[in-house]
Amino acid sequence: KHTSPIMDRLYKKYLNIIVFTPESANFSGDGKCILKLAREFPGGWYGGDLPDKGFWGINQKDQKELDKIINVIRRIV
């Protein structure tokens, strides 16, 4: 349910990390990507050391929505 244990272990090993839980999609990494996700998928949360790097998340919708999230990330990073 909580992503912090995963994010904490991977944070210094990878620049960009996306974690899906049954309740949410969570991304940590490139600031441009985070700002784009925040614009494309309103209603989530984001912050960090923007515009350089940070975090973004949203409550999951369905597989189609998750595929859109992945495509936004792939186009930028």
PDB file of N, CA and C in Angstrom:
ATOM      1  N   LYS A   1       0.819  -1.196   0.000  1.00  0.00           N
ATOM      2  CA  LYS A   1       0.000   0.000   0.000  1.00  0.00           C
ATOM      3  C   LYS A   1       0.863   1.260   0.000  1.00  0.00           C
ATOM      4  N   HIS A   2       1.939   1.274   0.779  1.00  0.00           N
ATOM      5  CA  HIS A   2       2.809   2.442   0.845  1.00  0.00           C
ATOM      6  C   HIS A   2       4.029   2.236  -0.046  1.00  0.00           C
ATOM      7  N   THR A   3       4.410   3.282  -0.764  1.00  0.00           N
ATOM      8  CA  THR A   3       5.525   3.159  -1.703  1.00  0.00           C
ATOM      9  C   THR A   3       6.866   3.570  -1.120  1.00  0.00           C
ATOM     10  N   SER A   4       6.883   4.242   0.012  1.00  0.00           N
ATOM     11  CA  SER A   4       8.154   4.763   0.537  1.00  0.00           C
ATOM     12  C   SER A   4       9.212   3.676   0.763  1.00  0.00           C
ATOM     13  N   PRO A   5       8.886   2.461   1.251  1.00  0.00           N
ATOM     14  CA  PRO A   5       9.941   1.453   1.403  1.00  0.00           C
ATOM     15  C   PRO A   5      10.607   1.097   0.075  1.00  0.00           C
ATOM     16  N   ILE A   6       9.828   1.057  -0.987  1.00  0.00           N
ATOM     17  CA  ILE A   6      10.376   0.734  -2.308  1.00  0.00           C
ATOM     18  C   ILE A   6      11.186   1.910  -2.838  1.00  0.00           C
ATOM     19  N   MET A   7      10.592   3.097  -2.793  1.00  0.00           N
ATOM     20  CA  MET A   7      11.263   4.293  -3.298  1.00  0.00           C
ATOM     21  C   MET A   7      12.578   4.534  -2.557  1.00  0.00           C
ATOM     22  N   ASP A   8      12.583   4.363  -1.257  1.00  0.00           N
ATOM     23  CA  ASP A   8      13.792   4.602  -0.470  1.00  0.00           C
ATOM     24  C   ASP A   8      14.932   3.673  -0.889  1.00  0.00           C
ATOM     25  N   ARG A   9      14.615   2.424  -1.197  1.00  0.00           N
ATOM     26  CA  ARG A   9      15.652   1.461  -1.600  1.00  0.00           C
ATOM     27  C   ARG A   9      16.187   1.730  -2.997  1.00  0.00           C
ATOM     28  N   LEU A  10      15.346   2.249  -3.885  1.00  0.00           N
ATOM     29  CA  LEU A  10      15.739   2.443  -5.279  1.00  0.00           C
ATOM     30  C   LEU A  10      16.191   3.862  -5.604  1.00  0.00           C
ATOM     31  N   TYR A  11      15.934   4.804  -4.708  1.00  0.00           N
ATOM     32  CA  TYR A  11      16.129   6.222  -4.980  1.00  0.00           C
ATOM     33  C   TYR A  11      17.519   6.560  -5.515  1.00  0.00           C
ATOM     34  N   LYS A  12      18.567   6.090  -4.896  1.00  0.00           N
ATOM     35  CA  LYS A  12      19.921   6.439  -5.322  1.00  0.00           C
ATOM     36  C   LYS A  12      20.449   5.536  -6.432  1.00  0.00           C
ATOM     37  N   LYS A  13      19.694   4.497  -6.790  1.00  0.00           N
ATOM     38  CA  LYS A  13      20.130   3.574  -7.827  1.00  0.00           C
ATOM     39  C   LYS A  13      19.587   3.923  -9.200  1.00  0.00           C
ATOM     40  N   TYR A  14      18.432   4.596  -9.245  1.00  0.00           N
ATOM     41  CA  TYR A  14      17.774   4.901 -10.513  1.00  0.00           C
ATOM     42  C   TYR A  14      17.329   6.354 -10.524  1.00  0.00           C
ATOM     43  N   LEU A  15      17.426   6.975 -11.689  1.00  0.00           N
ATOM     44  CA  LEU A  15      17.000   8.364 -11.830  1.00  0.00           C
ATOM     45  C   LEU A  15      15.483   8.475 -11.822  1.00  0.00           C
ATOM     46  N   ASN A  16      14.805   7.559 -12.504  1.00  0.00           N
ATOM     47  CA  ASN A  16      13.350   7.587 -12.626  1.00  0.00           C
ATOM     48  C   ASN A  16      12.762   6.268 -12.157  1.00  0.00           C
ATOM     49  N   ILE A  17      11.763   6.363 -11.288  1.00  0.00           N
ATOM     50  CA  ILE A  17      11.132   5.176 -10.716  1.00  0.00           C
ATOM     51  C   ILE A  17       9.625   5.354 -10.773  1.00  0.00           C
ATOM     52  N   ILE A  18       8.918   4.334 -11.243  1.00  0.00           N
ATOM     53  CA  ILE A  18       7.453   4.341 -11.165  1.00  0.00           C
ATOM     54  C   ILE A  18       7.022   3.090 -10.406  1.00  0.00           C
ATOM     55  N   VAL A  19       6.116   3.283  -9.460  1.00  0.00           N
ATOM     56  CA  VAL A  19       5.617   2.183  -8.643  1.00  0.00           C
ATOM     57  C   VAL A  19       4.094   2.226  -8.686  1.00  0.00           C
ATOM     58  N   PHE A  20       3.506   1.085  -9.014  1.00  0.00           N
ATOM     59  CA  PHE A  20       2.055   0.951  -9.003  1.00  0.00           C
ATOM     60  C   PHE A  20       1.647   0.134  -7.790  1.00  0.00           C
ATOM     61  N   THR A  21       0.653   0.603  -7.085  1.00  0.00           N
ATOM     62  CA  THR A  21       0.057  -0.148  -5.994  1.00  0.00           C
ATOM     63  C   THR A  21      -1.396  -0.413  -6.384  1.00  0.00           C
ATOM     64  N   PRO A  22      -2.115  -1.225  -5.643  1.00  0.00           N
ATOM     65  CA  PRO A  22      -3.537  -1.404  -5.971  1.00  0.00           C
ATOM     66  C   PRO A  22      -4.333  -0.098  -5.905  1.00  0.00           C
ATOM     67  N   GLU A  23      -3.812   0.885  -5.158  1.00  0.00           N
ATOM     68  CA  GLU A  23      -4.541   2.142  -4.986  1.00  0.00           C
ATOM     69  C   GLU A  23      -4.002   3.310  -5.791  1.00  0.00           C
ATOM     70  N   SER A  24      -2.719   3.267  -6.222  1.00  0.00           N
ATOM     71  CA  SER A  24      -2.136   4.468  -6.817  1.00  0.00           C
ATOM     72  C   SER A  24      -1.003   4.167  -7.787  1.00  0.00           C
ATOM     73  N   ALA A  25      -0.666   5.198  -8.568  1.00  0.00           N
ATOM     74  CA  ALA A  25       0.526   5.198  -9.408  1.00  0.00           C
ATOM     75  C   ALA A  25       1.429   6.291  -8.856  1.00  0.00           C
ATOM     76  N   ASN A  26       2.713   6.005  -8.708  1.00  0.00           N
ATOM     77  CA  ASN A  26       3.655   6.938  -8.085  1.00  0.00           C
ATOM     78  C   ASN A  26       4.939   6.995  -8.897  1.00  0.00           C
ATOM     79  N   PHE A  27       5.393   8.206  -9.186  1.00  0.00           N
ATOM     80  CA  PHE A  27       6.608   8.404  -9.975  1.00  0.00           C
ATOM     81  C   PHE A  27       7.557   9.306  -9.209  1.00  0.00           C
ATOM     82  N   SER A  28       8.841   8.993  -9.280  1.00  0.00           N
ATOM     83  CA  SER A  28       9.884   9.820  -8.695  1.00  0.00           C
ATOM     84  C   SER A  28      10.970   9.979  -9.745  1.00  0.00           C
ATOM     85  N   GLY A  29      11.401  11.223  -9.977  1.00  0.00           N
ATOM     86  CA  GLY A  29      12.463  11.417 -10.948  1.00  0.00           C
ATOM     87  C   GLY A  29      12.466  12.773 -11.610  1.00  0.00           C
ATOM     88  N   ASP A  30      12.621  12.764 -12.924  1.00  0.00           N
ATOM     89  CA  ASP A  30      12.792  13.945 -13.748  1.00  0.00           C
ATOM     90  C   ASP A  30      11.678  14.977 -13.523  1.00  0.00           C
ATOM     91  N   GLY A  31      12.074  16.206 -13.223  1.00  0.00           N
ATOM     92  CA  GLY A  31      11.117  17.265 -12.935  1.00  0.00           C
ATOM     93  C   GLY A  31      10.220  17.625 -14.102  1.00  0.00           C
ATOM     94  N   LYS A  32      10.759  17.622 -15.333  1.00  0.00           N
ATOM     95  CA  LYS A  32       9.928  17.921 -16.509  1.00  0.00           C
ATOM     96  C   LYS A  32       8.815  16.894 -16.654  1.00  0.00           C
ATOM     97  N   CYS A  33       9.156  15.664 -16.395  1.00  0.00           N
ATOM     98  CA  CYS A  33       8.177  14.585 -16.475  1.00  0.00           C
ATOM     99  C   CYS A  33       7.093  14.763 -15.406  1.00  0.00           C
ATOM    100  N   ILE A  34       7.499  15.122 -14.219  1.00  0.00           N
ATOM    101  CA  ILE A  34       6.544  15.318 -13.122  1.00  0.00           C
ATOM    102  C   ILE A  34       5.578  16.443 -13.448  1.00  0.00           C
ATOM    103  N   LEU A  35       6.095  17.553 -13.952  1.00  0.00           N
ATOM    104  CA  LEU A  35       5.225  18.681 -14.293  1.00  0.00           C
ATOM    105  C   LEU A  35       4.264  18.321 -15.420  1.00  0.00           C
ATOM    106  N   LYS A  36       4.721  17.536 -16.385  1.00  0.00           N
ATOM    107  CA  LYS A  36       3.848  17.076 -17.476  1.00  0.00           C
ATOM    108  C   LYS A  36       2.766  16.141 -16.937  1.00  0.00           C
ATOM    109  N   LEU A  37       3.135  15.217 -16.062  1.00  0.00           N
ATOM    110  CA  LEU A  37       2.150  14.314 -15.466  1.00  0.00           C
ATOM    111  C   LEU A  37       1.107  15.099 -14.681  1.00  0.00           C
ATOM    112  N   ALA A  38       1.537  16.105 -13.944  1.00  0.00           N
ATOM    113  CA  ALA A  38       0.608  16.917 -13.150  1.00  0.00           C
ATOM    114  C   ALA A  38      -0.388  17.653 -14.054  1.00  0.00           C
ATOM    115  N   ARG A  39       0.079  18.106 -15.212  1.00  0.00           N
ATOM    116  CA  ARG A  39      -0.828  18.781 -16.157  1.00  0.00           C
ATOM    117  C   ARG A  39      -1.775  17.799 -16.845  1.00  0.00           C
ATOM    118  N   GLU A  40      -1.236  16.650 -17.244  1.00  0.00           N
ATOM    119  CA  GLU A  40      -2.027  15.669 -18.000  1.00  0.00           C
ATOM    120  C   GLU A  40      -3.032  14.904 -17.136  1.00  0.00           C
ATOM    121  N   PHE A  41      -2.704  14.733 -15.853  1.00  0.00           N
ATOM    122  CA  PHE A  41      -3.541  13.938 -14.956  1.00  0.00           C
ATOM    123  C   PHE A  41      -3.846  14.747 -13.690  1.00  0.00           C
ATOM    124  N   PRO A  42      -4.787  15.688 -13.786  1.00  0.00           N
ATOM    125  CA  PRO A  42      -5.119  16.506 -12.616  1.00  0.00           C
ATOM    126  C   PRO A  42      -5.737  15.672 -11.496  1.00  0.00           C
ATOM    127  N   GLY A  43      -5.617  16.177 -10.286  1.00  0.00           N
ATOM    128  CA  GLY A  43      -6.216  15.490  -9.148  1.00  0.00           C
ATOM    129  C   GLY A  43      -5.241  14.656  -8.353  1.00  0.00           C
ATOM    130  N   GLY A  44      -3.979  14.648  -8.781  1.00  0.00           N
ATOM    131  CA  GLY A  44      -2.967  13.888  -8.057  1.00  0.00           C
ATOM    132  C   GLY A  44      -2.199  14.783  -7.111  1.00  0.00           C
ATOM    133  N   TRP A  45      -1.003  14.368  -6.768  1.00  0.00           N
ATOM    134  CA  TRP A  45      -0.134  15.136  -5.888  1.00  0.00           C
ATOM    135  C   TRP A  45       1.263  15.147  -6.487  1.00  0.00           C
ATOM    136  N   TYR A  46       1.996  16.213  -6.235  1.00  0.00           N
ATOM    137  CA  TYR A  46       3.371  16.297  -6.710  1.00  0.00           C
ATOM    138  C   TYR A  46       4.145  17.333  -5.911  1.00  0.00           C
ATOM    139  N   GLY A  47       5.457  17.259  -5.993  1.00  0.00           N
ATOM    140  CA  GLY A  47       6.310  18.195  -5.274  1.00  0.00           C
ATOM    141  C   GLY A  47       7.754  17.786  -5.404  1.00  0.00           C
ATOM    142  N   GLY A  48       8.575  18.315  -4.525  1.00  0.00           N
ATOM    143  CA  GLY A  48       9.989  17.990  -4.540  1.00  0.00           C
ATOM    144  C   GLY A  48      10.827  19.178  -4.937  1.00  0.00           C
ATOM    145  N   ASP A  49      11.982  18.916  -5.522  1.00  0.00           N
ATOM    146  CA  ASP A  49      12.935  19.942  -5.923  1.00  0.00           C
ATOM    147  C   ASP A  49      12.700  20.312  -7.388  1.00  0.00           C
ATOM    148  N   LEU A  50      11.481  20.729  -7.691  1.00  0.00           N
ATOM    149  CA  LEU A  50      11.114  21.068  -9.061  1.00  0.00           C
ATOM    150  C   LEU A  50      11.709  22.419  -9.441  1.00  0.00           C
ATOM    151  N   PRO A  51      12.106  22.609 -10.677  1.00  0.00           N
ATOM    152  CA  PRO A  51      11.834  21.781 -11.847  1.00  0.00           C
ATOM    153  C   PRO A  51      12.876  20.701 -12.126  1.00  0.00           C
ATOM    154  N   ASP A  52      13.842  20.513 -11.251  1.00  0.00           N
ATOM    155  CA  ASP A  52      14.899  19.524 -11.505  1.00  0.00           C
ATOM    156  C   ASP A  52      14.442  18.085 -11.279  1.00  0.00           C
ATOM    157  N   LYS A  53      13.927  17.801 -10.093  1.00  0.00           N
ATOM    158  CA  LYS A  53      13.478  16.445  -9.773  1.00  0.00           C
ATOM    159  C   LYS A  53      12.396  16.526  -8.707  1.00  0.00           C
ATOM    160  N   GLY A  54      11.680  15.425  -8.525  1.00  0.00           N
ATOM    161  CA  GLY A  54      10.623  15.421  -7.527  1.00  0.00           C
ATOM    162  C   GLY A  54       9.818  14.143  -7.554  1.00  0.00           C
ATOM    163  N   PHE A  55       8.545  14.266  -7.176  1.00  0.00           N
ATOM    164  CA  PHE A  55       7.655  13.108  -7.106  1.00  0.00           C
ATOM    165  C   PHE A  55       6.265  13.504  -7.595  1.00  0.00           C
ATOM    166  N   TRP A  56       5.513  12.508  -8.040  1.00  0.00           N
ATOM    167  CA  TRP A  56       4.145  12.689  -8.518  1.00  0.00           C
ATOM    168  C   TRP A  56       3.374  11.416  -8.225  1.00  0.00           C
ATOM    169  N   GLY A  57       2.098  11.533  -7.955  1.00  0.00           N
ATOM    170  CA  GLY A  57       1.255  10.364  -7.752  1.00  0.00           C
ATOM    171  C   GLY A  57      -0.204  10.681  -7.990  1.00  0.00           C
ATOM    172  N   ILE A  58      -0.965   9.641  -8.234  1.00  0.00           N
ATOM    173  CA  ILE A  58      -2.406   9.782  -8.457  1.00  0.00           C
ATOM    174  C   ILE A  58      -3.081   8.472  -8.069  1.00  0.00           C
ATOM    175  N   ASN A  59      -4.304   8.568  -7.601  1.00  0.00           N
ATOM    176  CA  ASN A  59      -5.079   7.354  -7.350  1.00  0.00           C
ATOM    177  C   ASN A  59      -5.340   6.674  -8.677  1.00  0.00           C
ATOM    178  N   GLN A  60      -5.167   5.367  -8.724  1.00  0.00           N
ATOM    179  CA  GLN A  60      -5.321   4.623  -9.973  1.00  0.00           C
ATOM    180  C   GLN A  60      -6.742   4.650 -10.480  1.00  0.00           C
ATOM    181  N   LYS A  61      -6.828   4.693 -11.792  1.00  0.00           N
ATOM    182  CA  LYS A  61      -8.126   4.636 -12.453  1.00  0.00           C
ATOM    183  C   LYS A  61      -8.343   3.226 -13.025  1.00  0.00           C
ATOM    184  N   ASP A  62      -7.774   2.984 -14.180  1.00  0.00           N
ATOM    185  CA  ASP A  62      -7.897   1.687 -14.846  1.00  0.00           C
ATOM    186  C   ASP A  62      -6.646   1.454 -15.694  1.00  0.00           C
ATOM    187  N   GLN A  63      -6.567   0.321 -16.339  1.00  0.00           N
ATOM    188  CA  GLN A  63      -5.374  -0.024 -17.105  1.00  0.00           C
ATOM    189  C   GLN A  63      -5.128   0.960 -18.240  1.00  0.00           C
ATOM    190  N   LYS A  64      -6.169   1.449 -18.868  1.00  0.00           N
ATOM    191  CA  LYS A  64      -6.017   2.420 -19.955  1.00  0.00           C
ATOM    192  C   LYS A  64      -5.342   3.694 -19.437  1.00  0.00           C
ATOM    193  N   GLU A  65      -5.748   4.148 -18.280  1.00  0.00           N
ATOM    194  CA  GLU A  65      -5.143   5.334 -17.658  1.00  0.00           C
ATOM    195  C   GLU A  65      -3.679   5.067 -17.305  1.00  0.00           C
ATOM    196  N   LEU A  66      -3.385   3.888 -16.779  1.00  0.00           N
ATOM    197  CA  LEU A  66      -2.008   3.542 -16.444  1.00  0.00           C
ATOM    198  C   LEU A  66      -1.126   3.503 -17.688  1.00  0.00           C
ATOM    199  N   ASP A  67      -1.661   2.989 -18.783  1.00  0.00           N
ATOM    200  CA  ASP A  67      -0.915   2.975 -20.042  1.00  0.00           C
ATOM    201  C   ASP A  67      -0.607   4.393 -20.505  1.00  0.00           C
ATOM    202  N   LYS A  68      -1.540   5.320 -20.328  1.00  0.00           N
ATOM    203  CA  LYS A  68      -1.306   6.722 -20.690  1.00  0.00           C
ATOM    204  C   LYS A  68      -0.203   7.323 -19.833  1.00  0.00           C
ATOM    205  N   ILE A  69      -0.209   7.008 -18.551  1.00  0.00           N
ATOM    206  CA  ILE A  69       0.833   7.505 -17.642  1.00  0.00           C
ATOM    207  C   ILE A  69       2.199   7.005 -18.103  1.00  0.00           C
ATOM    208  N   ILE A  70       2.300   5.727 -18.396  1.00  0.00           N
ATOM    209  CA  ILE A  70       3.567   5.142 -18.855  1.00  0.00           C
ATOM    210  C   ILE A  70       4.027   5.796 -20.147  1.00  0.00           C
ATOM    211  N   ASN A  71       3.113   6.057 -21.065  1.00  0.00           N
ATOM    212  CA  ASN A  71       3.478   6.683 -22.333  1.00  0.00           C
ATOM    213  C   ASN A  71       3.996   8.102 -22.140  1.00  0.00           C
ATOM    214  N   VAL A  72       3.413   8.860 -21.233  1.00  0.00           N
ATOM    215  CA  VAL A  72       3.915  10.208 -20.944  1.00  0.00           C
ATOM    216  C   VAL A  72       5.344  10.116 -20.423  1.00  0.00           C
ATOM    217  N   ILE A  73       5.582   9.206 -19.498  1.00  0.00           N
ATOM    218  CA  ILE A  73       6.934   9.053 -18.941  1.00  0.00           C
ATOM    219  C   ILE A  73       7.923   8.637 -20.025  1.00  0.00           C
ATOM    220  N   ARG A  74       7.556   7.696 -20.861  1.00  0.00           N
ATOM    221  CA  ARG A  74       8.455   7.227 -21.929  1.00  0.00           C
ATOM    222  C   ARG A  74       8.808   8.328 -22.913  1.00  0.00           C
ATOM    223  N   ARG A  75       7.867   9.206 -23.212  1.00  0.00           N
ATOM    224  CA  ARG A  75       8.129  10.284 -24.175  1.00  0.00           C
ATOM    225  C   ARG A  75       9.140  11.288 -23.631  1.00  0.00           C
ATOM    226  N   ILE A  76       9.225  11.426 -22.316  1.00  0.00           N
ATOM    227  CA  ILE A  76      10.068  12.462 -21.733  1.00  0.00           C
ATOM    228  C   ILE A  76      11.417  11.936 -21.258  1.00  0.00           C
ATOM    229  N   VAL A  77      11.434  10.765 -20.636  1.00  0.00           N
ATOM    230  CA  VAL A  77      12.705  10.272 -20.064  1.00  0.00           C
ATOM    231  C   VAL A  77      13.386   9.247 -20.941  1.00  0.00           C
TER     232      VAL A  77
END
